[in-house]
Amino acid sequence: MKDVLMGNGYAVQRSEIIAACNCFFGGERIGAGAVRLLTMPRVLGFVFNPISLYYCHHEDGRLAAMVYEVTSTFGERRSYVLPVLAADAQAGRFRQQTDKRLYVSPFMAMGMTYDFQGQTPGDTLGLAINGSDSGGLLIATSMNGARRPMSD
């Protein structure tokens, strides 16, 4: 894996992602574990990427943390760095929650909570992100996929 990961049209150093995870979690370090990026590639020179996901693994392959890099419709970015519980990592999944800290859209207020859940990518990928406020669920998103060889 190269040391540079491509996000929303700018370069992010692998070391920056690992440093952010280590800074937030203090004790258990990610070390030389893999960092995998799920993002939308440029198409015909254009990119629209409302969210990029960094899957941060321990050296033994267990998922250690997720970094959710959210970009608003106004071009602002915010990263949510969340640890994966040891029991979830052992089961090959993640379930996380955080308060919304970036004004993303004129259609949803700031007083929201995001719920993230999914599985560690392998032959398949599963991801769901829901947004709720005090009145309940506002937005529910999900994505599922299967690994295939890249070809023309």
C-alpha atoms as a PDB file:
ATOM      1  CA  MET A   1       0.000   0.000   0.000  1.00  0.00           C
ATOM      2  CA  LYS A   2       1.267   3.449  -0.852  1.00  0.00           C
ATOM      3  CA  ASP A   3       1.781   5.960   1.927  1.00  0.00           C
ATOM      4  CA  VAL A   4      -0.627   8.436   0.337  1.00  0.00           C
ATOM      5  CA  LEU A   5      -4.375   7.869   0.337  1.00  0.00           C
ATOM      6  CA  MET A   6      -6.543   9.914  -2.009  1.00  0.00           C
ATOM      7  CA  GLY A   7      -9.643  11.475  -0.458  1.00  0.00           C
ATOM      8  CA  ASN A   8     -11.839  14.247  -1.835  1.00  0.00           C
ATOM      9  CA  GLY A   9      -9.295  15.510  -4.363  1.00  0.00           C
ATOM     10  CA  TYR A  10      -6.500  15.983  -1.841  1.00  0.00           C
ATOM     11  CA  ALA A  11      -3.819  13.746  -0.409  1.00  0.00           C
ATOM     12  CA  VAL A  12      -3.996  12.353   3.118  1.00  0.00           C
ATOM     13  CA  GLN A  13      -0.908  10.753   4.566  1.00  0.00           C
ATOM     14  CA  ARG A  14      -1.342   7.275   6.053  1.00  0.00           C
ATOM     15  CA  SER A  15       0.692   8.475   9.004  1.00  0.00           C
ATOM     16  CA  GLU A  16      -1.874  11.269   9.627  1.00  0.00           C
ATOM     17  CA  ILE A  17      -4.738   8.771   9.826  1.00  0.00           C
ATOM     18  CA  ILE A  18      -2.798   6.525  12.227  1.00  0.00           C
ATOM     19  CA  ALA A  19      -1.685   9.510  14.339  1.00  0.00           C
ATOM     20  CA  ALA A  20      -5.305  10.680  14.612  1.00  0.00           C
ATOM     21  CA  CYS A  21      -6.426   7.229  15.761  1.00  0.00           C
ATOM     22  CA  ASN A  22      -3.572   6.871  18.244  1.00  0.00           C
ATOM     23  CA  CYS A  23      -4.216  10.381  19.593  1.00  0.00           C
ATOM     24  CA  PHE A  24      -7.903   9.691  20.186  1.00  0.00           C
ATOM     25  CA  PHE A  25      -7.462   6.256  21.732  1.00  0.00           C
ATOM     26  CA  GLY A  26      -4.298   6.720  23.764  1.00  0.00           C
ATOM     27  CA  GLY A  27      -3.695   3.147  24.977  1.00  0.00           C
ATOM     28  CA  GLU A  28      -3.899   0.525  22.255  1.00  0.00           C
ATOM     29  CA  ARG A  29      -2.049   1.616  19.126  1.00  0.00           C
ATOM     30  CA  ILE A  30      -2.783   0.690  15.542  1.00  0.00           C
ATOM     31  CA  GLY A  31       0.900   0.352  14.673  1.00  0.00           C
ATOM     32  CA  ALA A  32       1.690  -1.027  11.227  1.00  0.00           C
ATOM     33  CA  GLY A  33      -1.840  -2.315  10.598  1.00  0.00           C
ATOM     34  CA  ALA A  34      -3.499  -1.727   7.242  1.00  0.00           C
ATOM     35  CA  VAL A  35      -5.501   1.419   6.530  1.00  0.00           C
ATOM     36  CA  ARG A  36      -8.071   0.874   3.773  1.00  0.00           C
ATOM     37  CA  LEU A  37     -10.062   3.621   2.091  1.00  0.00           C
ATOM     38  CA  LEU A  38     -13.603   3.400   0.708  1.00  0.00           C
ATOM     39  CA  THR A  39     -14.310   6.467  -1.398  1.00  0.00           C
ATOM     40  CA  MET A  40     -15.715   7.594  -4.721  1.00  0.00           C
ATOM     41  CA  PRO A  41     -13.080   7.966  -7.456  1.00  0.00           C
ATOM     42  CA  ARG A  42     -12.820  10.873  -9.832  1.00  0.00           C
ATOM     43  CA  VAL A  43     -14.947  10.391 -12.942  1.00  0.00           C
ATOM     44  CA  LEU A  44     -14.080  12.451 -16.011  1.00  0.00           C
ATOM     45  CA  GLY A  45     -12.080  14.785 -13.784  1.00  0.00           C
ATOM     46  CA  PHE A  46     -14.914  15.432 -11.304  1.00  0.00           C
ATOM     47  CA  VAL A  47     -15.461  14.150  -7.788  1.00  0.00           C
ATOM     48  CA  PHE A  48     -18.393  14.362  -5.420  1.00  0.00           C
ATOM     49  CA  ASN A  49     -17.629  12.549  -2.219  1.00  0.00           C
ATOM     50  CA  PRO A  50     -19.961  13.293   0.690  1.00  0.00           C
ATOM     51  CA  ILE A  51     -18.214  10.650   2.820  1.00  0.00           C
ATOM     52  CA  SER A  52     -14.944   8.730   2.715  1.00  0.00           C
ATOM     53  CA  LEU A  53     -14.335   5.849   5.111  1.00  0.00           C
ATOM     54  CA  TYR A  54     -10.948   4.777   6.447  1.00  0.00           C
ATOM     55  CA  TYR A  55     -10.879   1.269   7.912  1.00  0.00           C
ATOM     56  CA  CYS A  56      -7.933   1.212  10.368  1.00  0.00           C
ATOM     57  CA  HIS A  57      -6.696  -2.253  11.333  1.00  0.00           C
ATOM     58  CA  HIS A  58      -4.418  -3.605  14.037  1.00  0.00           C
ATOM     59  CA  GLU A  59      -1.331  -5.472  12.835  1.00  0.00           C
ATOM     60  CA  ASP A  60      -3.155  -8.781  13.371  1.00  0.00           C
ATOM     61  CA  GLY A  61      -5.934  -7.708  10.957  1.00  0.00           C
ATOM     62  CA  ARG A  62      -8.651  -6.871  13.496  1.00  0.00           C
ATOM     63  CA  LEU A  63     -10.484  -3.622  12.843  1.00  0.00           C
ATOM     64  CA  ALA A  64      -9.298  -1.026  15.365  1.00  0.00           C
ATOM     65  CA  ALA A  65     -11.030   2.194  14.336  1.00  0.00           C
ATOM     66  CA  MET A  66     -13.060   3.901  11.678  1.00  0.00           C
ATOM     67  CA  VAL A  67     -12.460   7.393  10.366  1.00  0.00           C
ATOM     68  CA  TYR A  68     -15.505   8.930   8.699  1.00  0.00           C
ATOM     69  CA  GLU A  69     -14.493  11.959   6.653  1.00  0.00           C
ATOM     70  CA  VAL A  70     -17.669  13.924   5.861  1.00  0.00           C
ATOM     71  CA  THR A  71     -17.806  16.733   3.301  1.00  0.00           C
ATOM     72  CA  SER A  72     -20.702  19.179   3.306  1.00  0.00           C
ATOM     73  CA  THR A  73     -22.462  20.554   0.237  1.00  0.00           C
ATOM     74  CA  PHE A  74     -20.497  23.741   0.995  1.00  0.00           C
ATOM     75  CA  GLY A  75     -17.083  22.050   0.759  1.00  0.00           C
ATOM     76  CA  GLU A  76     -16.337  21.933   4.504  1.00  0.00           C
ATOM     77  CA  ARG A  77     -14.848  18.735   5.964  1.00  0.00           C
ATOM     78  CA  ARG A  78     -15.044  17.048   9.336  1.00  0.00           C
ATOM     79  CA  SER A  79     -13.563  13.733  10.430  1.00  0.00           C
ATOM     80  CA  TYR A  80     -15.159  11.501  13.014  1.00  0.00           C
ATOM     81  CA  VAL A  81     -12.557   9.133  14.529  1.00  0.00           C
ATOM     82  CA  LEU A  82     -14.277   6.295  16.374  1.00  0.00           C
ATOM     83  CA  PRO A  83     -12.819   3.174  18.029  1.00  0.00           C
ATOM     84  CA  VAL A  84     -14.182  -0.283  17.270  1.00  0.00           C
ATOM     85  CA  LEU A  85     -15.103  -2.264  20.379  1.00  0.00           C
ATOM     86  CA  ALA A  86     -12.918  -5.349  20.875  1.00  0.00           C
ATOM     87  CA  ALA A  87     -15.940  -7.709  20.846  1.00  0.00           C
ATOM     88  CA  ASP A  88     -17.192  -6.167  17.592  1.00  0.00           C
ATOM     89  CA  ALA A  89     -13.735  -6.372  15.996  1.00  0.00           C
ATOM     90  CA  GLN A  90     -13.525 -10.041  16.961  1.00  0.00           C
ATOM     91  CA  ALA A  91     -16.931 -10.623  15.309  1.00  0.00           C
ATOM     92  CA  GLY A  92     -15.853  -8.744  12.150  1.00  0.00           C
ATOM     93  CA  ARG A  93     -18.262  -5.858  12.574  1.00  0.00           C
ATOM     94  CA  PHE A  94     -18.525  -2.324  13.955  1.00  0.00           C
ATOM     95  CA  ARG A  95     -21.306  -0.374  15.667  1.00  0.00           C
ATOM     96  CA  GLN A  96     -20.600   3.244  16.543  1.00  0.00           C
ATOM     97  CA  GLN A  97     -22.438   6.434  17.389  1.00  0.00           C
ATOM     98  CA  THR A  98     -21.510  10.118  17.486  1.00  0.00           C
ATOM     99  CA  ASP A  99     -23.151  13.526  17.575  1.00  0.00           C
ATOM    100  CA  LYS A 100     -23.307  15.509  14.345  1.00  0.00           C
ATOM    101  CA  ARG A 101     -20.607  18.223  14.353  1.00  0.00           C
ATOM    102  CA  LEU A 102     -20.737  19.551  10.782  1.00  0.00           C
ATOM    103  CA  TYR A 103     -23.516  21.414   9.005  1.00  0.00           C
ATOM    104  CA  VAL A 104     -23.897  19.099   6.007  1.00  0.00           C
ATOM    105  CA  SER A 105     -27.190  20.036   4.382  1.00  0.00           C
ATOM    106  CA  PRO A 106     -29.841  22.766   4.603  1.00  0.00           C
ATOM    107  CA  PHE A 107     -32.430  19.996   5.041  1.00  0.00           C
ATOM    108  CA  MET A 108     -31.256  18.704   8.453  1.00  0.00           C
ATOM    109  CA  ALA A 109     -30.468  20.611  11.652  1.00  0.00           C
ATOM    110  CA  MET A 110     -27.345  20.164  13.798  1.00  0.00           C
ATOM    111  CA  GLY A 111     -29.088  18.437  16.734  1.00  0.00           C
ATOM    112  CA  MET A 112     -28.589  14.936  15.332  1.00  0.00           C
ATOM    113  CA  THR A 113     -26.836  11.696  16.177  1.00  0.00           C
ATOM    114  CA  TYR A 114     -25.207   9.413  13.603  1.00  0.00           C
ATOM    115  CA  ASP A 115     -25.327   5.636  14.014  1.00  0.00           C
ATOM    116  CA  PHE A 116     -22.756   3.690  11.983  1.00  0.00           C
ATOM    117  CA  GLN A 117     -22.769  -0.072  11.590  1.00  0.00           C
ATOM    118  CA  GLY A 118     -21.189  -2.479   9.188  1.00  0.00           C
ATOM    119  CA  GLN A 119     -18.797  -5.326   8.675  1.00  0.00           C
ATOM    120  CA  THR A 120     -15.083  -5.479   8.140  1.00  0.00           C
ATOM    121  CA  PRO A 121     -14.628  -5.532   4.345  1.00  0.00           C
ATOM    122  CA  GLY A 122     -13.675  -8.869   2.830  1.00  0.00           C
ATOM    123  CA  ASP A 123     -15.388 -10.617  -0.052  1.00  0.00           C
ATOM    124  CA  THR A 124     -18.454  -8.508   0.755  1.00  0.00           C
ATOM    125  CA  LEU A 125     -19.088  -5.057   2.193  1.00  0.00           C
ATOM    126  CA  GLY A 126     -22.014  -3.893   4.296  1.00  0.00           C
ATOM    127  CA  LEU A 127     -22.507  -0.417   5.719  1.00  0.00           C
ATOM    128  CA  ALA A 128     -25.445   1.507   7.201  1.00  0.00           C
ATOM    129  CA  ILE A 129     -25.462   5.104   8.417  1.00  0.00           C
ATOM    130  CA  ASN A 130     -28.579   6.480  10.096  1.00  0.00           C
ATOM    131  CA  GLY A 131     -29.236   9.987  11.368  1.00  0.00           C
ATOM    132  CA  SER A 132     -31.694  10.702  14.189  1.00  0.00           C
ATOM    133  CA  ASP A 133     -32.828  13.630  16.285  1.00  0.00           C
ATOM    134  CA  SER A 134     -35.051  13.871  19.364  1.00  0.00           C
ATOM    135  CA  GLY A 135     -38.060  13.053  17.178  1.00  0.00           C
ATOM    136  CA  GLY A 136     -36.582   9.840  15.776  1.00  0.00           C
ATOM    137  CA  LEU A 137     -35.026   8.631  12.525  1.00  0.00           C
ATOM    138  CA  LEU A 138     -34.458  11.357   9.889  1.00  0.00           C
ATOM    139  CA  ILE A 139     -32.298   9.588   7.327  1.00  0.00           C
ATOM    140  CA  ALA A 140     -31.386   5.952   6.722  1.00  0.00           C
ATOM    141  CA  THR A 141     -28.669   4.962   4.257  1.00  0.00           C
ATOM    142  CA  SER A 142     -27.057   1.654   3.419  1.00  0.00           C
ATOM    143  CA  MET A 143     -24.650   0.130   0.951  1.00  0.00           C
ATOM    144  CA  ASN A 144     -23.815  -3.487   0.174  1.00  0.00           C
ATOM    145  CA  GLY A 145     -21.330  -4.820  -2.327  1.00  0.00           C
ATOM    146  CA  ALA A 146     -19.306  -7.804  -3.429  1.00  0.00           C
ATOM    147  CA  ARG A 147     -15.608  -7.788  -4.293  1.00  0.00           C
ATOM    148  CA  ARG A 148     -14.868  -8.234  -7.992  1.00  0.00           C
ATOM    149  CA  PRO A 149     -11.655  -7.993  -9.999  1.00  0.00           C
ATOM    150  CA  MET A 150     -11.060  -4.629 -11.618  1.00  0.00           C
ATOM    151  CA  SER A 151     -11.165  -4.864 -15.408  1.00  0.00           C
ATOM    152  CA  ASP A 152     -12.155  -2.915 -18.510  1.00  0.00           C
END
